PDB file of N, CA and C in Angstrom:
ATOM      1  N   MET A   1     -93.175-147.116  33.179  1.00  0.00           N
ATOM      2  CA  MET A   1     -92.782-148.484  32.948  1.00  0.00           C
ATOM      3  C   MET A   1     -94.038-149.335  32.788  1.00  0.00           C
ATOM      4  N   LYS A   2     -94.026-150.223  31.802  1.00  0.00           N
ATOM      5  CA  LYS A   2     -95.161-151.098  31.553  1.00  0.00           C
ATOM      6  C   LYS A   2     -94.910-152.455  32.197  1.00  0.00           C
ATOM      7  N   TYR A   3     -95.968-153.033  32.731  1.00  0.00           N
ATOM      8  CA  TYR A   3     -95.892-154.353  33.337  1.00  0.00           C
ATOM      9  C   TYR A   3     -96.972-155.239  32.751  1.00  0.00           C
ATOM     10  N   MET A   4     -96.691-156.513  32.681  1.00  0.00           N
ATOM     11  CA  MET A   4     -97.719-157.481  32.356  1.00  0.00           C
ATOM     12  C   MET A   4     -98.503-157.748  33.630  1.00  0.00           C
ATOM     13  N   VAL A   5     -99.766-158.098  33.503  1.00  0.00           N
ATOM     14  CA  VAL A   5    -100.574-158.411  34.683  1.00  0.00           C
ATOM     15  C   VAL A   5     -99.921-159.524  35.486  1.00  0.00           C
ATOM     16  N   ALA A   6     -99.388-160.543  34.809  1.00  0.00           N
ATOM     17  CA  ALA A   6     -98.750-161.657  35.505  1.00  0.00           C
ATOM     18  C   ALA A   6     -97.568-161.184  36.348  1.00  0.00           C
ATOM     19  N   GLU A   7     -96.832-160.173  35.886  1.00  0.00           N
ATOM     20  CA  GLU A   7     -95.694-159.661  36.655  1.00  0.00           C
ATOM     21  C   GLU A   7     -96.148-158.980  37.935  1.00  0.00           C
ATOM     22  N   LEU A   8     -97.330-158.436  37.929  1.00  0.00           N
ATOM     23  CA  LEU A   8     -97.852-157.778  39.123  1.00  0.00           C
ATOM     24  C   LEU A   8     -98.484-158.776  40.086  1.00  0.00           C
ATOM     25  N   LEU A   9     -98.982-159.896  39.563  1.00  0.00           N
ATOM     26  CA  LEU A   9     -99.679-160.873  40.394  1.00  0.00           C
ATOM     27  C   LEU A   9     -98.777-161.945  40.972  1.00  0.00           C
ATOM     28  N   PHE A  10     -97.756-162.361  40.236  1.00  0.00           N
ATOM     29  CA  PHE A  10     -96.933-163.490  40.639  1.00  0.00           C
ATOM     30  C   PHE A  10     -95.544-163.032  41.050  1.00  0.00           C
ATOM     31  N   LYS A  11     -95.237-163.151  42.331  1.00  0.00           N
ATOM     32  CA  LYS A  11     -93.901-162.837  42.848  1.00  0.00           C
ATOM     33  C   LYS A  11     -93.417-164.029  43.660  1.00  0.00           C
ATOM     34  N   ALA A  12     -92.205-164.461  43.408  1.00  0.00           N
ATOM     35  CA  ALA A  12     -91.627-165.582  44.151  1.00  0.00           C
ATOM     36  C   ALA A  12     -91.078-165.090  45.484  1.00  0.00           C
ATOM     37  N   ALA A  13     -91.409-165.806  46.537  1.00  0.00           N
ATOM     38  CA  ALA A  13     -90.860-165.530  47.859  1.00  0.00           C
ATOM     39  C   ALA A  13     -89.726-166.507  48.180  1.00  0.00           C
ATOM     40  N   LYS A  14     -89.814-167.715  47.611  1.00  0.00           N
ATOM     41  CA  LYS A  14     -88.830-168.758  47.879  1.00  0.00           C
ATOM     42  C   LYS A  14     -88.873-169.751  46.732  1.00  0.00           C
ATOM     43  N   ALA A  15     -87.736-170.348  46.406  1.00  0.00           N
ATOM     44  CA  ALA A  15     -87.691-171.382  45.365  1.00  0.00           C
ATOM     45  C   ALA A  15     -86.692-172.451  45.794  1.00  0.00           C
ATOM     46  N   TRP A  16     -87.023-173.711  45.501  1.00  0.00           N
ATOM     47  CA  TRP A  16     -86.165-174.826  45.880  1.00  0.00           C
ATOM     48  C   TRP A  16     -86.466-176.016  44.977  1.00  0.00           C
ATOM     49  N   CYS A  17     -85.629-177.032  45.096  1.00  0.00           N
ATOM     50  CA  CYS A  17     -85.797-178.251  44.308  1.00  0.00           C
ATOM     51  C   CYS A  17     -86.139-179.401  45.251  1.00  0.00           C
ATOM     52  N   GLU A  18     -87.117-180.199  44.879  1.00  0.00           N
ATOM     53  CA  GLU A  18     -87.458-181.437  45.583  1.00  0.00           C
ATOM     54  C   GLU A  18     -87.395-182.562  44.562  1.00  0.00           C
ATOM     55  N   GLU A  19     -86.419-183.432  44.707  1.00  0.00           N
ATOM     56  CA  GLU A  19     -86.212-184.552  43.787  1.00  0.00           C
ATOM     57  C   GLU A  19     -86.221-184.072  42.339  1.00  0.00           C
ATOM     58  N   ASP A  20     -87.296-184.303  41.602  1.00  0.00           N
ATOM     59  CA  ASP A  20     -87.337-183.941  40.180  1.00  0.00           C
ATOM     60  C   ASP A  20     -88.327-182.811  39.892  1.00  0.00           C
ATOM     61  N   LYS A  21     -88.596-181.974  40.903  1.00  0.00           N
ATOM     62  CA  LYS A  21     -89.530-180.853  40.738  1.00  0.00           C
ATOM     63  C   LYS A  21     -88.882-179.554  41.226  1.00  0.00           C
ATOM     64  N   ILE A  22     -89.168-178.470  40.518  1.00  0.00           N
ATOM     65  CA  ILE A  22     -88.816-177.136  40.999  1.00  0.00           C
ATOM     66  C   ILE A  22     -90.062-176.599  41.694  1.00  0.00           C
ATOM     67  N   CYS A  23     -89.880-176.113  42.918  1.00  0.00           N
ATOM     68  CA  CYS A  23     -90.987-175.632  43.738  1.00  0.00           C
ATOM     69  C   CYS A  23     -90.818-174.135  43.964  1.00  0.00           C
ATOM     70  N   ILE A  24     -91.906-173.413  43.858  1.00  0.00           N
ATOM     71  CA  ILE A  24     -91.872-171.964  44.030  1.00  0.00           C
ATOM     72  C   ILE A  24     -92.992-171.563  44.976  1.00  0.00           C
ATOM     73  N   LEU A  25     -92.630-170.897  46.063  1.00  0.00           N
ATOM     74  CA  LEU A  25     -93.612-170.338  46.982  1.00  0.00           C
ATOM     75  C   LEU A  25     -93.835-168.890  46.574  1.00  0.00           C
ATOM     76  N   LEU A  26     -95.070-168.560  46.236  1.00  0.00           N
ATOM     77  CA  LEU A  26     -95.400-167.204  45.823  1.00  0.00           C
ATOM     78  C   LEU A  26     -95.646-166.322  47.035  1.00  0.00           C
ATOM     79  N   SER A  27     -95.575-165.034  46.851  1.00  0.00           N
ATOM     80  CA  SER A  27     -95.722-164.079  47.951  1.00  0.00           C
ATOM     81  C   SER A  27     -97.090-164.142  48.622  1.00  0.00           C
ATOM     82  N   ASP A  28     -98.091-164.703  47.929  1.00  0.00           N
ATOM     83  CA  ASP A  28     -99.421-164.843  48.540  1.00  0.00           C
ATOM     84  C   ASP A  28     -99.629-166.237  49.137  1.00  0.00           C
ATOM     85  N   ASN A  29     -98.533-166.969  49.342  1.00  0.00           N
ATOM     86  CA  ASN A  29     -98.500-168.310  49.939  1.00  0.00           C
ATOM     87  C   ASN A  29     -99.021-169.426  49.039  1.00  0.00           C
ATOM     88  N   ARG A  30     -99.311-169.138  47.782  1.00  0.00           N
ATOM     89  CA  ARG A  30     -99.599-170.222  46.841  1.00  0.00           C
ATOM     90  C   ARG A  30     -98.275-170.861  46.449  1.00  0.00           C
ATOM     91  N   GLU A  31     -98.336-172.115  46.060  1.00  0.00           N
ATOM     92  CA  GLU A  31     -97.131-172.828  45.662  1.00  0.00           C
ATOM     93  C   GLU A  31     -97.347-173.441  44.284  1.00  0.00           C
ATOM     94  N   ILE A  32     -96.339-173.315  43.438  1.00  0.00           N
ATOM     95  CA  ILE A  32     -96.398-173.958  42.132  1.00  0.00           C
ATOM     96  C   ILE A  32     -95.171-174.849  41.991  1.00  0.00           C
ATOM     97  N   ARG A  33     -95.312-175.886  41.196  1.00  0.00           N
ATOM     98  CA  ARG A  33     -94.231-176.843  40.953  1.00  0.00           C
ATOM     99  C   ARG A  33     -94.242-177.238  39.485  1.00  0.00           C
ATOM    100  N   PHE A  34     -93.064-177.554  38.988  1.00  0.00           N
ATOM    101  CA  PHE A  34     -93.000-178.118  37.640  1.00  0.00           C
ATOM    102  C   PHE A  34     -91.849-179.111  37.578  1.00  0.00           C
ATOM    103  N   PRO A  35     -91.997-180.149  36.747  1.00  0.00           N
ATOM    104  CA  PRO A  35     -90.950-181.161  36.638  1.00  0.00           C
ATOM    105  C   PRO A  35     -89.714-180.624  35.926  1.00  0.00           C
ATOM    106  N   VAL A  36     -88.533-180.976  36.424  1.00  0.00           N
ATOM    107  CA  VAL A  36     -87.283-180.499  35.821  1.00  0.00           C
ATOM    108  C   VAL A  36     -87.122-181.007  34.394  1.00  0.00           C
ATOM    109  N   GLU A  37     -87.763-182.096  34.047  1.00  0.00           N
ATOM    110  CA  GLU A  37     -87.623-182.650  32.697  1.00  0.00           C
ATOM    111  C   GLU A  37     -88.166-181.725  31.608  1.00  0.00           C
ATOM    112  N   LEU A  38     -88.917-180.698  31.996  1.00  0.00           N
ATOM    113  CA  LEU A  38     -89.442-179.746  31.018  1.00  0.00           C
ATOM    114  C   LEU A  38     -88.394-178.727  30.557  1.00  0.00           C
ATOM    115  N   ASN A  39     -87.237-178.721  31.216  1.00  0.00           N
ATOM    116  CA  ASN A  39     -86.160-177.797  30.861  1.00  0.00           C
ATOM    117  C   ASN A  39     -84.882-178.605  30.681  1.00  0.00           C
ATOM    118  N   GLN A  40     -84.254-178.517  29.530  1.00  0.00           N
ATOM    119  CA  GLN A  40     -83.092-179.347  29.213  1.00  0.00           C
ATOM    120  C   GLN A  40     -81.937-179.140  30.192  1.00  0.00           C
ATOM    121  N   LYS A  41     -81.648-177.898  30.551  1.00  0.00           N
ATOM    122  CA  LYS A  41     -80.526-177.643  31.472  1.00  0.00           C
ATOM    123  C   LYS A  41     -80.818-178.189  32.867  1.00  0.00           C
ATOM    124  N   LEU A  42     -82.041-178.021  33.343  1.00  0.00           N
ATOM    125  CA  LEU A  42     -82.399-178.541  34.665  1.00  0.00           C
ATOM    126  C   LEU A  42     -82.438-180.065  34.654  1.00  0.00           C
ATOM    127  N   LYS A  43     -82.901-180.631  33.562  1.00  0.00           N
ATOM    128  CA  LYS A  43     -83.018-182.080  33.432  1.00  0.00           C
ATOM    129  C   LYS A  43     -81.663-182.771  33.555  1.00  0.00           C
ATOM    130  N   THR A  44     -80.622-182.166  32.998  1.00  0.00           N
ATOM    131  CA  THR A  44     -79.301-182.798  32.996  1.00  0.00           C
ATOM    132  C   THR A  44     -78.417-182.337  34.153  1.00  0.00           C
ATOM    133  N   ALA A  45     -78.903-181.421  34.984  1.00  0.00           N
ATOM    134  CA  ALA A  45     -78.106-180.883  36.089  1.00  0.00           C
ATOM    135  C   ALA A  45     -78.152-181.799  37.307  1.00  0.00           C
ATOM    136  N   SER A  46     -77.177-181.623  38.176  1.00  0.00           N
ATOM    137  CA  SER A  46     -77.182-182.350  39.446  1.00  0.00           C
ATOM    138  C   SER A  46     -78.210-181.717  40.389  1.00  0.00           C
ATOM    139  N   PHE A  47     -78.546-182.439  41.445  1.00  0.00           N
ATOM    140  CA  PHE A  47     -79.489-181.897  42.424  1.00  0.00           C
ATOM    141  C   PHE A  47     -78.948-180.613  43.047  1.00  0.00           C
ATOM    142  N   VAL A  48     -77.653-180.577  43.343  1.00  0.00           N
ATOM    143  CA  VAL A  48     -77.042-179.377  43.935  1.00  0.00           C
ATOM    144  C   VAL A  48     -77.169-178.193  42.983  1.00  0.00           C
ATOM    145  N   GLN A  49     -76.904-178.403  41.694  1.00  0.00           N
ATOM    146  CA  GLN A  49     -77.039-177.329  40.707  1.00  0.00           C
ATOM    147  C   GLN A  49     -78.494-176.872  40.578  1.00  0.00           C
ATOM    148  N   ARG A  50     -79.414-177.819  40.571  1.00  0.00           N
ATOM    149  CA  ARG A  50     -80.837-177.474  40.472  1.00  0.00           C
ATOM    150  C   ARG A  50     -81.318-176.678  41.673  1.00  0.00           C
ATOM    151  N   ASN A  51     -80.768-176.989  42.839  1.00  0.00           N
ATOM    152  CA  ASN A  51     -81.235-176.362  44.080  1.00  0.00           C
ATOM    153  C   ASN A  51     -80.580-175.009  44.338  1.00  0.00           C
ATOM    154  N   ASN A  52     -79.595-174.638  43.548  1.00  0.00           N
ATOM    155  CA  ASN A  52     -78.955-173.329  43.689  1.00  0.00           C
ATOM    156  C   ASN A  52     -79.744-172.327  42.841  1.00  0.00           C
ATOM    157  N   ILE A  53     -80.824-171.817  43.421  1.00  0.00           N
ATOM    158  CA  ILE A  53     -81.760-170.947  42.711  1.00  0.00           C
ATOM    159  C   ILE A  53     -81.745-169.564  43.344  1.00  0.00           C
ATOM    160  N   GLU A  54     -81.626-168.553  42.511  1.00  0.00           N
ATOM    161  CA  GLU A  54     -81.724-167.166  42.969  1.00  0.00           C
ATOM    162  C   GLU A  54     -83.033-166.569  42.450  1.00  0.00           C
ATOM    163  N   ILE A  55     -83.691-165.798  43.291  1.00  0.00           N
ATOM    164  CA  ILE A  55     -84.883-165.070  42.867  1.00  0.00           C
ATOM    165  C   ILE A  55     -84.414-163.717  42.348  1.00  0.00           C
ATOM    166  N   ILE A  56     -84.804-163.383  41.120  1.00  0.00           N
ATOM    167  CA  ILE A  56     -84.325-162.160  40.471  1.00  0.00           C
ATOM    168  C   ILE A  56     -85.505-161.316  39.986  1.00  0.00           C
ATOM    169  N   CYS A  57     -85.189-160.141  39.493  1.00  0.00           N
ATOM    170  CA  CYS A  57     -86.170-159.242  38.859  1.00  0.00           C
ATOM    171  C   CYS A  57     -87.359-158.953  39.765  1.00  0.00           C
ATOM    172  N   ASN A  58     -87.049-158.574  40.990  1.00  0.00           N
ATOM    173  CA  ASN A  58     -88.097-158.207  41.946  1.00  0.00           C
ATOM    174  C   ASN A  58     -89.107-159.335  42.173  1.00  0.00           C
ATOM    175  N   GLY A  59     -88.619-160.584  42.158  1.00  0.00           N
ATOM    176  CA  GLY A  59     -89.481-161.725  42.427  1.00  0.00           C
ATOM    177  C   GLY A  59     -90.191-162.303  41.226  1.00  0.00           C
ATOM    178  N   THR A  60     -89.923-161.778  40.030  1.00  0.00           N
ATOM    179  CA  THR A  60     -90.621-162.277  38.842  1.00  0.00           C
ATOM    180  C   THR A  60     -89.774-163.245  38.017  1.00  0.00           C
ATOM    181  N   GLY A  61     -88.571-163.564  38.487  1.00  0.00           N
ATOM    182  CA  GLY A  61     -87.723-164.475  37.734  1.00  0.00           C
ATOM    183  C   GLY A  61     -86.905-165.368  38.643  1.00  0.00           C
ATOM    184  N   LEU A  62     -86.445-166.481  38.076  1.00  0.00           N
ATOM    185  CA  LEU A  62     -85.563-167.415  38.766  1.00  0.00           C
ATOM    186  C   LEU A  62     -84.282-167.542  37.951  1.00  0.00           C
ATOM    187  N   HIS A  63     -83.161-167.649  38.666  1.00  0.00           N
ATOM    188  CA  HIS A  63     -81.858-167.767  38.004  1.00  0.00           C
ATOM    189  C   HIS A  63     -81.085-168.908  38.647  1.00  0.00           C
ATOM    190  N   TRP A  64     -80.503-169.770  37.818  1.00  0.00           N
ATOM    191  CA  TRP A  64     -79.632-170.842  38.262  1.00  0.00           C
ATOM    192  C   TRP A  64     -78.217-170.468  37.838  1.00  0.00           C
ATOM    193  N   PRO A  65     -77.413-169.883  38.736  1.00  0.00           N
ATOM    194  CA  PRO A  65     -76.074-169.408  38.349  1.00  0.00           C
ATOM    195  C   PRO A  65     -75.139-170.520  37.873  1.00  0.00           C
ATOM    196  N   ASP A  66     -75.271-171.723  38.431  1.00  0.00           N
ATOM    197  CA  ASP A  66     -74.409-172.825  38.014  1.00  0.00           C
ATOM    198  C   ASP A  66     -74.714-173.295  36.599  1.00  0.00           C
ATOM    199  N   LEU A  67     -75.924-172.993  36.124  1.00  0.00           N
ATOM    200  CA  LEU A  67     -76.368-173.480  34.812  1.00  0.00           C
ATOM    201  C   LEU A  67     -76.523-172.368  33.787  1.00  0.00           C
ATOM    202  N   ASP A  68     -76.357-171.120  34.217  1.00  0.00           N
ATOM    203  CA  ASP A  68     -76.603-169.962  33.365  1.00  0.00           C
ATOM    204  C   ASP A  68     -77.995-170.058  32.733  1.00  0.00           C
ATOM    205  N   GLU A  69     -78.992-170.296  33.581  1.00  0.00           N
ATOM    206  CA  GLU A  69     -80.374-170.458  33.122  1.00  0.00           C
ATOM    207  C   GLU A  69     -81.279-169.498  33.880  1.00  0.00           C
ATOM    208  N   ASP A  70     -82.194-168.870  33.171  1.00  0.00           N
ATOM    209  CA  ASP A  70     -83.173-167.949  33.755  1.00  0.00           C
ATOM    210  C   ASP A  70     -84.558-168.328  33.254  1.00  0.00           C
ATOM    211  N   LEU A  71     -85.531-168.282  34.156  1.00  0.00           N
ATOM    212  CA  LEU A  71     -86.933-168.469  33.797  1.00  0.00           C
ATOM    213  C   LEU A  71     -87.744-167.377  34.464  1.00  0.00           C
ATOM    214  N   SER A  72     -88.744-166.895  33.759  1.00  0.00           N
ATOM    215  CA  SER A  72     -89.619-165.884  34.352  1.00  0.00           C
ATOM    216  C   SER A  72     -90.853-166.568  34.935  1.00  0.00           C
ATOM    217  N   LEU A  73     -91.401-166.005  36.005  1.00  0.00           N
ATOM    218  CA  LEU A  73     -92.635-166.558  36.559  1.00  0.00           C
ATOM    219  C   LEU A  73     -93.790-166.455  35.573  1.00  0.00           C
ATOM    220  N   PRO A  74     -93.947-165.321  34.866  1.00  0.00           N
ATOM    221  CA  PRO A  74     -95.014-165.299  33.860  1.00  0.00           C
ATOM    222  C   PRO A  74     -94.837-166.408  32.821  1.00  0.00           C
ATOM    223  N   GLY A  75     -93.610-166.658  32.412  1.00  0.00           N
ATOM    224  CA  GLY A  75     -93.348-167.732  31.455  1.00  0.00           C
ATOM    225  C   GLY A  75     -93.697-169.100  32.020  1.00  0.00           C
ATOM    226  N   ILE A  76     -93.306-169.348  33.256  1.00  0.00           N
ATOM    227  CA  ILE A  76     -93.639-170.620  33.902  1.00  0.00           C
ATOM    228  C   ILE A  76     -95.149-170.793  33.977  1.00  0.00           C
ATOM    229  N   MET A  77     -95.849-169.728  34.367  1.00  0.00           N
ATOM    230  CA  MET A  77     -97.305-169.795  34.481  1.00  0.00           C
ATOM    231  C   MET A  77     -97.972-170.017  33.112  1.00  0.00           C
ATOM    232  N   GLU A  78     -97.293-169.606  32.052  1.00  0.00           N
ATOM    233  CA  GLU A  78     -97.811-169.805  30.691  1.00  0.00           C
ATOM    234  C   GLU A  78     -97.353-171.134  30.088  1.00  0.00           C
ATOM    235  N   GLY A  79     -96.540-171.898  30.822  1.00  0.00           N
ATOM    236  CA  GLY A  79     -96.084-173.185  30.329  1.00  0.00           C
ATOM    237  C   GLY A  79     -94.817-173.139  29.504  1.00  0.00           C
ATOM    238  N   ARG A  80     -94.052-172.039  29.615  1.00  0.00           N
ATOM    239  CA  ARG A  80     -92.774-171.917  28.902  1.00  0.00           C
ATOM    240  C   ARG A  80     -91.657-172.213  29.894  1.00  0.00           C
ATOM    241  N   PHE A  81     -90.960-173.336  29.712  1.00  0.00           N
ATOM    242  CA  PHE A  81     -89.974-173.785  30.684  1.00  0.00           C
ATOM    243  C   PHE A  81     -88.547-173.760  30.164  1.00  0.00           C
ATOM    244  N   SER A  82     -88.318-173.242  28.972  1.00  0.00           N
ATOM    245  CA  SER A  82     -86.969-173.121  28.434  1.00  0.00           C
ATOM    246  C   SER A  82     -86.537-171.686  28.463  1.00  0.00           C
ATOM    247  N   GLY A  83     -85.290-171.451  28.918  1.00  0.00           N
ATOM    248  CA  GLY A  83     -84.782-170.084  29.009  1.00  0.00           C
ATOM    249  C   GLY A  83     -84.335-169.549  27.677  1.00  0.00           C
TER     250      GLY A  83
END
């Protein structure tokens, strides 16, 4: 199986929403955040929908089941915020 370097380096341990930001705690205790306005589905969602985040793909992805939206950590780190 082939992996991107980013998939091996960045794993989400926890994800949550604070006001208008999505926050991700990485397995090495670094934290990243991005504004919800960068993603159309997150931008128009309620706070409850935004905060219902599942960590998927062995920690390399985020899924919002209420919105049918998925983002990868490598994509987020590269500045790609649309699923």
